[in-house]
Amino acid sequence: VEILSNQINFKNIKSFNDRHSLFEVSQSFVDSVTGTKQSLYKKIQGI
């Protein structure tokens, strides 16, 4: 969550209930960053 959160601009996200949820932060990563689900997957796999 910490790694992904550093790449998300939370100010541009209107609804965010739980920043400690990997499900929710990952969804926001896919929705708000120029990357895709595949780029998210590769990032986590690389870790």
ModelCIF file with pLDDT and N, C-alpha, C, O atoms, coordinates in Angstrom:
data_MODEL
#
_entry.id   MODEL 
#
_entity.id                         1 
_entity.type                       polymer 
_entity.pdbx_number_of_molecules   1 
#
_entity_poly.entity_id                      1 
_entity_poly.type                           'polypeptide(L)' 
_entity_poly.nstd_linkage                   no 
_entity_poly.nstd_monomer                   no 
_entity_poly.pdbx_seq_one_letter_code       VEILSNQINFKNIKSFNDRHSLFEVSQSFVDSVTGTKQSLYKKIQGI 
_entity_poly.pdbx_seq_one_letter_code_can   VEILSNQINFKNIKSFNDRHSLFEVSQSFVDSVTGTKQSLYKKIQGI 
_entity_poly.pdbx_strand_id                 A 
#
loop_
_entity_poly_seq.entity_id 
_entity_poly_seq.num 
_entity_poly_seq.mon_id 
_entity_poly_seq.hetero 
1 1  VAL n 
1 2  GLU n 
1 3  ILE n 
1 4  LEU n 
1 5  SER n 
1 6  ASN n 
1 7  GLN n 
1 8  ILE n 
1 9  ASN n 
1 10 PHE n 
1 11 LYS n 
1 12 ASN n 
1 13 ILE n 
1 14 LYS n 
1 15 SER n 
1 16 PHE n 
1 17 ASN n 
1 18 ASP n 
1 19 ARG n 
1 20 HIS n 
1 21 SER n 
1 22 LEU n 
1 23 PHE n 
1 24 GLU n 
1 25 VAL n 
1 26 SER n 
1 27 GLN n 
1 28 SER n 
1 29 PHE n 
1 30 VAL n 
1 31 ASP n 
1 32 SER n 
1 33 VAL n 
1 34 THR n 
1 35 GLY n 
1 36 THR n 
1 37 LYS n 
1 38 GLN n 
1 39 SER n 
1 40 LEU n 
1 41 TYR n 
1 42 LYS n 
1 43 LYS n 
1 44 ILE n 
1 45 GLN n 
1 46 GLY n 
1 47 ILE n 
#
_struct_asym.id          A 
_struct_asym.entity_id   1 
#
loop_
_ma_qa_metric.id 
_ma_qa_metric.mode 
_ma_qa_metric.name 
_ma_qa_metric.software_group_id 
_ma_qa_metric.type 
1 global pLDDT . pLDDT 
2 local  pLDDT . pLDDT 
#
_ma_qa_metric_global.metric_id      1 
_ma_qa_metric_global.metric_value   70.38 
_ma_qa_metric_global.model_id       1 
_ma_qa_metric_global.ordinal_id     1 
#
loop_
_ma_qa_metric_local.label_asym_id 
_ma_qa_metric_local.label_comp_id 
_ma_qa_metric_local.label_seq_id 
_ma_qa_metric_local.metric_id 
_ma_qa_metric_local.metric_value 
_ma_qa_metric_local.model_id 
_ma_qa_metric_local.ordinal_id 
A VAL 1  2 80.00 1 1  
A GLU 2  2 78.00 1 2  
A ILE 3  2 75.00 1 3  
A LEU 4  2 74.00 1 4  
A SER 5  2 73.00 1 5  
A ASN 6  2 72.00 1 6  
A GLN 7  2 64.00 1 7  
A ILE 8  2 61.00 1 8  
A ASN 9  2 57.00 1 9  
A PHE 10 2 52.00 1 10 
A LYS 11 2 49.00 1 11 
A ASN 12 2 49.00 1 12 
A ILE 13 2 49.00 1 13 
A LYS 14 2 46.00 1 14 
A SER 15 2 52.00 1 15 
A PHE 16 2 53.00 1 16 
A ASN 17 2 59.00 1 17 
A ASP 18 2 63.00 1 18 
A ARG 19 2 64.00 1 19 
A HIS 20 2 72.00 1 20 
A SER 21 2 82.00 1 21 
A LEU 22 2 85.00 1 22 
A PHE 23 2 85.00 1 23 
A GLU 24 2 83.00 1 24 
A VAL 25 2 82.00 1 25 
A SER 26 2 82.00 1 26 
A GLN 27 2 81.00 1 27 
A SER 28 2 78.00 1 28 
A PHE 29 2 77.00 1 29 
A VAL 30 2 79.00 1 30 
A ASP 31 2 75.00 1 31 
A SER 32 2 67.00 1 32 
A VAL 33 2 56.00 1 33 
A THR 34 2 56.00 1 34 
A GLY 35 2 59.00 1 35 
A THR 36 2 75.00 1 36 
A LYS 37 2 77.00 1 37 
A GLN 38 2 79.00 1 38 
A SER 39 2 79.00 1 39 
A LEU 40 2 80.00 1 40 
A TYR 41 2 81.00 1 41 
A LYS 42 2 80.00 1 42 
A LYS 43 2 80.00 1 43 
A ILE 44 2 80.00 1 44 
A GLN 45 2 78.00 1 45 
A GLY 46 2 76.00 1 46 
A ILE 47 2 74.00 1 47 
#
loop_
_atom_site.group_PDB 
_atom_site.id 
_atom_site.type_symbol 
_atom_site.label_atom_id 
_atom_site.label_alt_id 
_atom_site.label_comp_id 
_atom_site.label_asym_id 
_atom_site.label_entity_id 
_atom_site.label_seq_id 
_atom_site.pdbx_PDB_ins_code 
_atom_site.Cartn_x 
_atom_site.Cartn_y 
_atom_site.Cartn_z 
_atom_site.occupancy 
_atom_site.B_iso_or_equiv 
_atom_site.pdbx_formal_charge 
_atom_site.auth_seq_id 
_atom_site.auth_comp_id 
_atom_site.auth_asym_id 
_atom_site.auth_atom_id 
_atom_site.pdbx_PDB_model_num 
ATOM 1   N N  . VAL A 1 1  ? 0.833   -1.207 0.000   1.00 80.00 ? 1  VAL A N  1 
ATOM 2   C CA . VAL A 1 1  ? 0.000   0.000  0.000   1.00 80.00 ? 1  VAL A CA 1 
ATOM 3   C C  . VAL A 1 1  ? 0.868   1.258  0.000   1.00 80.00 ? 1  VAL A C  1 
ATOM 4   O O  . VAL A 1 1  ? 0.579   2.219  -0.713  1.00 80.00 ? 1  VAL A O  1 
ATOM 5   N N  . GLU A 1 2  ? 1.927   1.244  0.800   1.00 78.00 ? 2  GLU A N  1 
ATOM 6   C CA . GLU A 1 2  ? 2.815   2.412  0.883   1.00 78.00 ? 2  GLU A CA 1 
ATOM 7   C C  . GLU A 1 2  ? 3.485   2.700  -0.461  1.00 78.00 ? 2  GLU A C  1 
ATOM 8   O O  . GLU A 1 2  ? 3.588   3.853  -0.880  1.00 78.00 ? 2  GLU A O  1 
ATOM 9   N N  . ILE A 1 3  ? 3.937   1.639  -1.126  1.00 75.00 ? 3  ILE A N  1 
ATOM 10  C CA . ILE A 1 3  ? 4.588   1.810  -2.428  1.00 75.00 ? 3  ILE A CA 1 
ATOM 11  C C  . ILE A 1 3  ? 3.623   2.402  -3.444  1.00 75.00 ? 3  ILE A C  1 
ATOM 12  O O  . ILE A 1 3  ? 3.973   3.332  -4.169  1.00 75.00 ? 3  ILE A O  1 
ATOM 13  N N  . LEU A 1 4  ? 2.394   1.858  -3.498  1.00 74.00 ? 4  LEU A N  1 
ATOM 14  C CA . LEU A 1 4  ? 1.412   2.342  -4.470  1.00 74.00 ? 4  LEU A CA 1 
ATOM 15  C C  . LEU A 1 4  ? 0.908   3.735  -4.113  1.00 74.00 ? 4  LEU A C  1 
ATOM 16  O O  . LEU A 1 4  ? 0.666   4.561  -4.993  1.00 74.00 ? 4  LEU A O  1 
ATOM 17  N N  . SER A 1 5  ? 0.751   3.992  -2.815  1.00 73.00 ? 5  SER A N  1 
ATOM 18  C CA . SER A 1 5  ? 0.225   5.289  -2.376  1.00 73.00 ? 5  SER A CA 1 
ATOM 19  C C  . SER A 1 5  ? 1.144   6.439  -2.778  1.00 73.00 ? 5  SER A C  1 
ATOM 20  O O  . SER A 1 5  ? 0.681   7.549  -3.043  1.00 73.00 ? 5  SER A O  1 
ATOM 21  N N  . ASN A 1 6  ? 2.441   6.168  -2.820  1.00 72.00 ? 6  ASN A N  1 
ATOM 22  C CA . ASN A 1 6  ? 3.399   7.211  -3.211  1.00 72.00 ? 6  ASN A CA 1 
ATOM 23  C C  . ASN A 1 6  ? 3.231   7.629  -4.664  1.00 72.00 ? 6  ASN A C  1 
ATOM 24  O O  . ASN A 1 6  ? 3.762   8.658  -5.080  1.00 72.00 ? 6  ASN A O  1 
ATOM 25  N N  . GLN A 1 7  ? 2.495   6.836  -5.438  1.00 64.00 ? 7  GLN A N  1 
ATOM 26  C CA . GLN A 1 7  ? 2.324   7.141  -6.858  1.00 64.00 ? 7  GLN A CA 1 
ATOM 27  C C  . GLN A 1 7  ? 0.908   7.595  -7.195  1.00 64.00 ? 7  GLN A C  1 
ATOM 28  O O  . GLN A 1 7  ? 0.556   7.734  -8.366  1.00 64.00 ? 7  GLN A O  1 
ATOM 29  N N  . ILE A 1 8  ? 0.096   7.825  -6.162  1.00 61.00 ? 8  ILE A N  1 
ATOM 30  C CA . ILE A 1 8  ? -1.285  8.244  -6.377  1.00 61.00 ? 8  ILE A CA 1 
ATOM 31  C C  . ILE A 1 8  ? -1.498  9.648  -5.832  1.00 61.00 ? 8  ILE A C  1 
ATOM 32  O O  . ILE A 1 8  ? -1.075  9.966  -4.720  1.00 61.00 ? 8  ILE A O  1 
ATOM 33  N N  . ASN A 1 9  ? -2.143  10.467 -6.609  1.00 57.00 ? 9  ASN A N  1 
ATOM 34  C CA . ASN A 1 9  ? -2.513  11.804 -6.146  1.00 57.00 ? 9  ASN A CA 1 
ATOM 35  C C  . ASN A 1 9  ? -3.900  11.712 -5.514  1.00 57.00 ? 9  ASN A C  1 
ATOM 36  O O  . ASN A 1 9  ? -4.913  11.766 -6.210  1.00 57.00 ? 9  ASN A O  1 
ATOM 37  N N  . PHE A 1 10 ? -3.934  11.571 -4.178  1.00 52.00 ? 10 PHE A N  1 
ATOM 38  C CA . PHE A 1 10 ? -5.197  11.349 -3.509  1.00 52.00 ? 10 PHE A CA 1 
ATOM 39  C C  . PHE A 1 10 ? -6.143  12.548 -3.636  1.00 52.00 ? 10 PHE A C  1 
ATOM 40  O O  . PHE A 1 10 ? -7.356  12.394 -3.488  1.00 52.00 ? 10 PHE A O  1 
ATOM 41  N N  . LYS A 1 11 ? -5.610  13.716 -3.903  1.00 49.00 ? 11 LYS A N  1 
ATOM 42  C CA . LYS A 1 11 ? -6.467  14.901 -4.024  1.00 49.00 ? 11 LYS A CA 1 
ATOM 43  C C  . LYS A 1 11 ? -7.417  14.780 -5.218  1.00 49.00 ? 11 LYS A C  1 
ATOM 44  O O  . LYS A 1 11 ? -8.481  15.400 -5.235  1.00 49.00 ? 11 LYS A O  1 
ATOM 45  N N  . ASN A 1 12 ? -7.032  13.983 -6.209  1.00 49.00 ? 12 ASN A N  1 
ATOM 46  C CA . ASN A 1 12 ? -7.860  13.833 -7.402  1.00 49.00 ? 12 ASN A CA 1 
ATOM 47  C C  . ASN A 1 12 ? -8.880  12.704 -7.264  1.00 49.00 ? 12 ASN A C  1 
ATOM 48  O O  . ASN A 1 12 ? -9.631  12.428 -8.199  1.00 49.00 ? 12 ASN A O  1 
ATOM 49  N N  . ILE A 1 13 ? -8.909  12.052 -6.102  1.00 49.00 ? 13 ILE A N  1 
ATOM 50  C CA . ILE A 1 13 ? -9.834  10.946 -5.878  1.00 49.00 ? 13 ILE A CA 1 
ATOM 51  C C  . ILE A 1 13 ? -10.944 11.429 -4.965  1.00 49.00 ? 13 ILE A C  1 
ATOM 52  O O  . ILE A 1 13 ? -10.697 11.781 -3.812  1.00 49.00 ? 13 ILE A O  1 
ATOM 53  N N  . LYS A 1 14 ? -12.172 11.447 -5.480  1.00 46.00 ? 14 LYS A N  1 
ATOM 54  C CA . LYS A 1 14 ? -13.292 11.998 -4.719  1.00 46.00 ? 14 LYS A CA 1 
ATOM 55  C C  . LYS A 1 14 ? -13.702 11.109 -3.553  1.00 46.00 ? 14 LYS A C  1 
ATOM 56  O O  . LYS A 1 14 ? -14.024 11.608 -2.475  1.00 46.00 ? 14 LYS A O  1 
ATOM 57  N N  . SER A 1 15 ? -13.691 9.794  -3.762  1.00 52.00 ? 15 SER A N  1 
ATOM 58  C CA . SER A 1 15 ? -14.155 8.877  -2.739  1.00 52.00 ? 15 SER A CA 1 
ATOM 59  C C  . SER A 1 15 ? -13.059 7.886  -2.374  1.00 52.00 ? 15 SER A C  1 
ATOM 60  O O  . SER A 1 15 ? -12.583 7.130  -3.222  1.00 52.00 ? 15 SER A O  1 
ATOM 61  N N  . PHE A 1 16 ? -12.666 7.896  -1.106  1.00 53.00 ? 16 PHE A N  1 
ATOM 62  C CA . PHE A 1 16 ? -11.610 6.997  -0.670  1.00 53.00 ? 16 PHE A CA 1 
ATOM 63  C C  . PHE A 1 16 ? -11.872 6.652  0.786   1.00 53.00 ? 16 PHE A C  1 
ATOM 64  O O  . PHE A 1 16 ? -11.638 7.475  1.672   1.00 53.00 ? 16 PHE A O  1 
ATOM 65  N N  . ASN A 1 17 ? -12.362 5.427  1.045   1.00 59.00 ? 17 ASN A N  1 
ATOM 66  C CA . ASN A 1 17 ? -12.775 5.059  2.395   1.00 59.00 ? 17 ASN A CA 1 
ATOM 67  C C  . ASN A 1 17 ? -11.629 4.556  3.258   1.00 59.00 ? 17 ASN A C  1 
ATOM 68  O O  . ASN A 1 17 ? -11.582 4.841  4.454   1.00 59.00 ? 17 ASN A O  1 
ATOM 69  N N  . ASP A 1 18 ? -10.702 3.807  2.660   1.00 63.00 ? 18 ASP A N  1 
ATOM 70  C CA . ASP A 1 18 ? -9.681  3.147  3.471   1.00 63.00 ? 18 ASP A CA 1 
ATOM 71  C C  . ASP A 1 18 ? -8.348  3.101  2.725   1.00 63.00 ? 18 ASP A C  1 
ATOM 72  O O  . ASP A 1 18 ? -8.149  2.265  1.844   1.00 63.00 ? 18 ASP A O  1 
ATOM 73  N N  . ARG A 1 19 ? -7.452  3.995  3.082   1.00 64.00 ? 19 ARG A N  1 
ATOM 74  C CA . ARG A 1 19 ? -6.147  4.034  2.422   1.00 64.00 ? 19 ARG A CA 1 
ATOM 75  C C  . ARG A 1 19 ? -5.228  2.905  2.866   1.00 64.00 ? 19 ARG A C  1 
ATOM 76  O O  . ARG A 1 19 ? -4.127  2.758  2.335   1.00 64.00 ? 19 ARG A O  1 
ATOM 77  N N  . HIS A 1 20 ? -5.668  2.106  3.832   1.00 72.00 ? 20 HIS A N  1 
ATOM 78  C CA . HIS A 1 20 ? -4.875  0.965  4.274   1.00 72.00 ? 20 HIS A CA 1 
ATOM 79  C C  . HIS A 1 20 ? -5.302  -0.318 3.562   1.00 72.00 ? 20 HIS A C  1 
ATOM 80  O O  . HIS A 1 20 ? -4.700  -1.371 3.770   1.00 72.00 ? 20 HIS A O  1 
ATOM 81  N N  . SER A 1 21 ? -6.331  -0.235 2.727   1.00 82.00 ? 21 SER A N  1 
ATOM 82  C CA . SER A 1 21 ? -6.813  -1.397 1.996   1.00 82.00 ? 21 SER A CA 1 
ATOM 83  C C  . SER A 1 21 ? -6.061  -1.534 0.683   1.00 82.00 ? 21 SER A C  1 
ATOM 84  O O  . SER A 1 21 ? -6.104  -0.634 -0.156  1.00 82.00 ? 21 SER A O  1 
ATOM 85  N N  . LEU A 1 22 ? -5.367  -2.664 0.496   1.00 85.00 ? 22 LEU A N  1 
ATOM 86  C CA . LEU A 1 22 ? -4.658  -2.882 -0.762  1.00 85.00 ? 22 LEU A CA 1 
ATOM 87  C C  . LEU A 1 22 ? -5.638  -2.979 -1.919  1.00 85.00 ? 22 LEU A C  1 
ATOM 88  O O  . LEU A 1 22 ? -5.352  -2.495 -3.013  1.00 85.00 ? 22 LEU A O  1 
ATOM 89  N N  . PHE A 1 23 ? -6.802  -3.604 -1.689  1.00 85.00 ? 23 PHE A N  1 
ATOM 90  C CA . PHE A 1 23 ? -7.821  -3.675 -2.732  1.00 85.00 ? 23 PHE A CA 1 
ATOM 91  C C  . PHE A 1 23 ? -8.185  -2.272 -3.227  1.00 85.00 ? 23 PHE A C  1 
ATOM 92  O O  . PHE A 1 23 ? -8.218  -2.011 -4.429  1.00 85.00 ? 23 PHE A O  1 
ATOM 93  N N  . GLU A 1 24 ? -8.456  -1.376 -2.271  1.00 83.00 ? 24 GLU A N  1 
ATOM 94  C CA . GLU A 1 24 ? -8.935  -0.045 -2.638  1.00 83.00 ? 24 GLU A CA 1 
ATOM 95  C C  . GLU A 1 24 ? -7.816  0.811  -3.235  1.00 83.00 ? 24 GLU A C  1 
ATOM 96  O O  . GLU A 1 24 ? -8.032  1.523  -4.215  1.00 83.00 ? 24 GLU A O  1 
ATOM 97  N N  . VAL A 1 25 ? -6.622  0.739  -2.641  1.00 82.00 ? 25 VAL A N  1 
ATOM 98  C CA . VAL A 1 25 ? -5.501  1.519  -3.160  1.00 82.00 ? 25 VAL A CA 1 
ATOM 99  C C  . VAL A 1 25 ? -5.102  1.017  -4.550  1.00 82.00 ? 25 VAL A C  1 
ATOM 100 O O  . VAL A 1 25 ? -4.771  1.817  -5.425  1.00 82.00 ? 25 VAL A O  1 
ATOM 101 N N  . SER A 1 26 ? -5.133  -0.299 -4.756  1.00 82.00 ? 26 SER A N  1 
ATOM 102 C CA . SER A 1 26 ? -4.802  -0.858 -6.072  1.00 82.00 ? 26 SER A CA 1 
ATOM 103 C C  . SER A 1 26 ? -5.813  -0.409 -7.114  1.00 82.00 ? 26 SER A C  1 
ATOM 104 O O  . SER A 1 26 ? -5.449  -0.091 -8.246  1.00 82.00 ? 26 SER A O  1 
ATOM 105 N N  . GLN A 1 27 ? -7.093  -0.385 -6.726  1.00 81.00 ? 27 GLN A N  1 
ATOM 106 C CA . GLN A 1 27 ? -8.123  0.071  -7.653  1.00 81.00 ? 27 GLN A CA 1 
ATOM 107 C C  . GLN A 1 27 ? -7.895  1.533  -8.025  1.00 81.00 ? 27 GLN A C  1 
ATOM 108 O O  . GLN A 1 27 ? -8.047  1.921  -9.183  1.00 81.00 ? 27 GLN A O  1 
ATOM 109 N N  . SER A 1 28 ? -7.527  2.340  -7.027  1.00 78.00 ? 28 SER A N  1 
ATOM 110 C CA . SER A 1 28 ? -7.247  3.750  -7.287  1.00 78.00 ? 28 SER A CA 1 
ATOM 111 C C  . SER A 1 28 ? -6.010  3.914  -8.163  1.00 78.00 ? 28 SER A C  1 
ATOM 112 O O  . SER A 1 28 ? -5.952  4.811  -9.004  1.00 78.00 ? 28 SER A O  1 
ATOM 113 N N  . PHE A 1 29 ? -5.021  3.044  -7.963  1.00 77.00 ? 29 PHE A N  1 
ATOM 114 C CA . PHE A 1 29 ? -3.818  3.060  -8.802  1.00 77.00 ? 29 PHE A CA 1 
ATOM 115 C C  . PHE A 1 29 ? -4.199  2.835  -10.262 1.00 77.00 ? 29 PHE A C  1 
ATOM 116 O O  . PHE A 1 29 ? -3.741  3.554  -11.150 1.00 77.00 ? 29 PHE A O  1 
ATOM 117 N N  . VAL A 1 30 ? -5.045  1.828  -10.502 1.00 79.00 ? 30 VAL A N  1 
ATOM 118 C CA . VAL A 1 30 ? -5.465  1.513  -11.868 1.00 79.00 ? 30 VAL A CA 1 
ATOM 119 C C  . VAL A 1 30 ? -6.312  2.637  -12.448 1.00 79.00 ? 30 VAL A C  1 
ATOM 120 O O  . VAL A 1 30 ? -6.195  2.964  -13.629 1.00 79.00 ? 30 VAL A O  1 
ATOM 121 N N  . ASP A 1 31 ? -7.172  3.231  -11.609 1.00 75.00 ? 31 ASP A N  1 
ATOM 122 C CA . ASP A 1 31 ? -8.107  4.253  -12.095 1.00 75.00 ? 31 ASP A CA 1 
ATOM 123 C C  . ASP A 1 31 ? -7.454  5.611  -12.314 1.00 75.00 ? 31 ASP A C  1 
ATOM 124 O O  . ASP A 1 31 ? -7.870  6.364  -13.193 1.00 75.00 ? 31 ASP A O  1 
ATOM 125 N N  . SER A 1 32 ? -6.420  5.933  -11.509 1.00 67.00 ? 32 SER A N  1 
ATOM 126 C CA . SER A 1 32 ? -5.931  7.312  -11.528 1.00 67.00 ? 32 SER A CA 1 
ATOM 127 C C  . SER A 1 32 ? -4.541  7.480  -12.133 1.00 67.00 ? 32 SER A C  1 
ATOM 128 O O  . SER A 1 32 ? -4.162  8.592  -12.502 1.00 67.00 ? 32 SER A O  1 
ATOM 129 N N  . VAL A 1 33 ? -3.788  6.410  -12.239 1.00 56.00 ? 33 VAL A N  1 
ATOM 130 C CA . VAL A 1 33 ? -2.435  6.511  -12.779 1.00 56.00 ? 33 VAL A CA 1 
ATOM 131 C C  . VAL A 1 33 ? -2.458  6.133  -14.248 1.00 56.00 ? 33 VAL A C  1 
ATOM 132 O O  . VAL A 1 33 ? -3.370  5.446  -14.707 1.00 56.00 ? 33 VAL A O  1 
ATOM 133 N N  . THR A 1 34 ? -1.467  6.578  -14.971 1.00 56.00 ? 34 THR A N  1 
ATOM 134 C CA . THR A 1 34 ? -1.439  6.303  -16.408 1.00 56.00 ? 34 THR A CA 1 
ATOM 135 C C  . THR A 1 34 ? -1.227  4.822  -16.702 1.00 56.00 ? 34 THR A C  1 
ATOM 136 O O  . THR A 1 34 ? -1.331  4.396  -17.852 1.00 56.00 ? 34 THR A O  1 
ATOM 137 N N  . GLY A 1 35 ? -0.931  4.036  -15.669 1.00 59.00 ? 35 GLY A N  1 
ATOM 138 C CA . GLY A 1 35 ? -0.728  2.614  -15.864 1.00 59.00 ? 35 GLY A CA 1 
ATOM 139 C C  . GLY A 1 35 ? -2.041  1.852  -15.993 1.00 59.00 ? 35 GLY A C  1 
ATOM 140 O O  . GLY A 1 35 ? -3.115  2.451  -16.045 1.00 59.00 ? 35 GLY A O  1 
ATOM 141 N N  . THR A 1 36 ? -1.944  0.530  -16.045 1.00 75.00 ? 36 THR A N  1 
ATOM 142 C CA . THR A 1 36 ? -3.095  -0.343 -16.206 1.00 75.00 ? 36 THR A CA 1 
ATOM 143 C C  . THR A 1 36 ? -3.030  -1.444 -15.157 1.00 75.00 ? 36 THR A C  1 
ATOM 144 O O  . THR A 1 36 ? -2.118  -1.477 -14.331 1.00 75.00 ? 36 THR A O  1 
ATOM 145 N N  . LYS A 1 37 ? -4.007  -2.345 -15.199 1.00 77.00 ? 37 LYS A N  1 
ATOM 146 C CA . LYS A 1 37 ? -3.980  -3.494 -14.301 1.00 77.00 ? 37 LYS A CA 1 
ATOM 147 C C  . LYS A 1 37 ? -2.699  -4.301 -14.522 1.00 77.00 ? 37 LYS A C  1 
ATOM 148 O O  . LYS A 1 37 ? -2.117  -4.821 -13.570 1.00 77.00 ? 37 LYS A O  1 
ATOM 149 N N  . GLN A 1 38 ? -2.266  -4.402 -15.768 1.00 79.00 ? 38 GLN A N  1 
ATOM 150 C CA . GLN A 1 38 ? -1.069  -5.179 -16.057 1.00 79.00 ? 38 GLN A CA 1 
ATOM 151 C C  . GLN A 1 38 ? 0.180   -4.519 -15.473 1.00 79.00 ? 38 GLN A C  1 
ATOM 152 O O  . GLN A 1 38 ? 1.071   -5.199 -14.965 1.00 79.00 ? 38 GLN A O  1 
ATOM 153 N N  . SER A 1 39 ? 0.236   -3.189 -15.550 1.00 79.00 ? 39 SER A N  1 
ATOM 154 C CA . SER A 1 39 ? 1.399   -2.496 -14.981 1.00 79.00 ? 39 SER A CA 1 
ATOM 155 C C  . SER A 1 39 ? 1.401   -2.626 -13.457 1.00 79.00 ? 39 SER A C  1 
ATOM 156 O O  . SER A 1 39 ? 2.462   -2.734 -12.842 1.00 79.00 ? 39 SER A O  1 
ATOM 157 N N  . LEU A 1 40 ? 0.205   -2.616 -12.847 1.00 80.00 ? 40 LEU A N  1 
ATOM 158 C CA . LEU A 1 40 ? 0.096   -2.823 -11.407 1.00 80.00 ? 40 LEU A CA 1 
ATOM 159 C C  . LEU A 1 40 ? 0.589   -4.217 -11.039 1.00 80.00 ? 40 LEU A C  1 
ATOM 160 O O  . LEU A 1 40 ? 1.355   -4.387 -10.091 1.00 80.00 ? 40 LEU A O  1 
ATOM 161 N N  . TYR A 1 41 ? 0.146   -5.201 -11.791 1.00 81.00 ? 41 TYR A N  1 
ATOM 162 C CA . TYR A 1 41 ? 0.543   -6.585 -11.542 1.00 81.00 ? 41 TYR A CA 1 
ATOM 163 C C  . TYR A 1 41 ? 2.056   -6.755 -11.654 1.00 81.00 ? 41 TYR A C  1 
ATOM 164 O O  . TYR A 1 41 ? 2.675   -7.399 -10.807 1.00 81.00 ? 41 TYR A O  1 
ATOM 165 N N  . LYS A 1 42 ? 2.646   -6.182 -12.692 1.00 80.00 ? 42 LYS A N  1 
ATOM 166 C CA . LYS A 1 42 ? 4.088   -6.307 -12.880 1.00 80.00 ? 42 LYS A CA 1 
ATOM 167 C C  . LYS A 1 42 ? 4.854   -5.644 -11.734 1.00 80.00 ? 42 LYS A C  1 
ATOM 168 O O  . LYS A 1 42 ? 5.908   -6.125 -11.317 1.00 80.00 ? 42 LYS A O  1 
ATOM 169 N N  . LYS A 1 43 ? 4.310   -4.538 -11.234 1.00 80.00 ? 43 LYS A N  1 
ATOM 170 C CA . LYS A 1 43 ? 4.969   -3.840 -10.134 1.00 80.00 ? 43 LYS A CA 1 
ATOM 171 C C  . LYS A 1 43 ? 4.972   -4.714 -8.875  1.00 80.00 ? 43 LYS A C  1 
ATOM 172 O O  . LYS A 1 43 ? 5.995   -4.835 -8.200  1.00 80.00 ? 43 LYS A O  1 
ATOM 173 N N  . ILE A 1 44 ? 3.826   -5.320 -8.565  1.00 80.00 ? 44 ILE A N  1 
ATOM 174 C CA . ILE A 1 44 ? 3.740   -6.168 -7.380  1.00 80.00 ? 44 ILE A CA 1 
ATOM 175 C C  . ILE A 1 44 ? 4.562   -7.440 -7.572  1.00 80.00 ? 44 ILE A C  1 
ATOM 176 O O  . ILE A 1 44 ? 5.241   -7.890 -6.649  1.00 80.00 ? 44 ILE A O  1 
ATOM 177 N N  . GLN A 1 45 ? 4.500   -8.012 -8.761  1.00 78.00 ? 45 GLN A N  1 
ATOM 178 C CA . GLN A 1 45 ? 5.276   -9.229 -9.026  1.00 78.00 ? 45 GLN A CA 1 
ATOM 179 C C  . GLN A 1 45 ? 6.768   -8.956 -8.878  1.00 78.00 ? 45 GLN A C  1 
ATOM 180 O O  . GLN A 1 45 ? 7.514   -9.790 -8.363  1.00 78.00 ? 45 GLN A O  1 
ATOM 181 N N  . GLY A 1 46 ? 7.197   -7.778 -9.335  1.00 76.00 ? 46 GLY A N  1 
ATOM 182 C CA . GLY A 1 46 ? 8.613   -7.423 -9.242  1.00 76.00 ? 46 GLY A CA 1 
ATOM 183 C C  . GLY A 1 46 ? 9.085   -7.328 -7.797  1.00 76.00 ? 46 GLY A C  1 
ATOM 184 O O  . GLY A 1 46 ? 10.241  -7.626 -7.496  1.00 76.00 ? 46 GLY A O  1 
ATOM 185 N N  . ILE A 1 47 ? 8.185   -6.912 -6.900  1.00 74.00 ? 47 ILE A N  1 
ATOM 186 C CA . ILE A 1 47 ? 8.540   -6.799 -5.488  1.00 74.00 ? 47 ILE A CA 1 
ATOM 187 C C  . ILE A 1 47 ? 8.782   -8.180 -4.887  1.00 74.00 ? 47 ILE A C  1 
ATOM 188 O O  . ILE A 1 47 ? 9.093   -8.291 -3.701  1.00 74.00 ? 47 ILE A O  1 
#
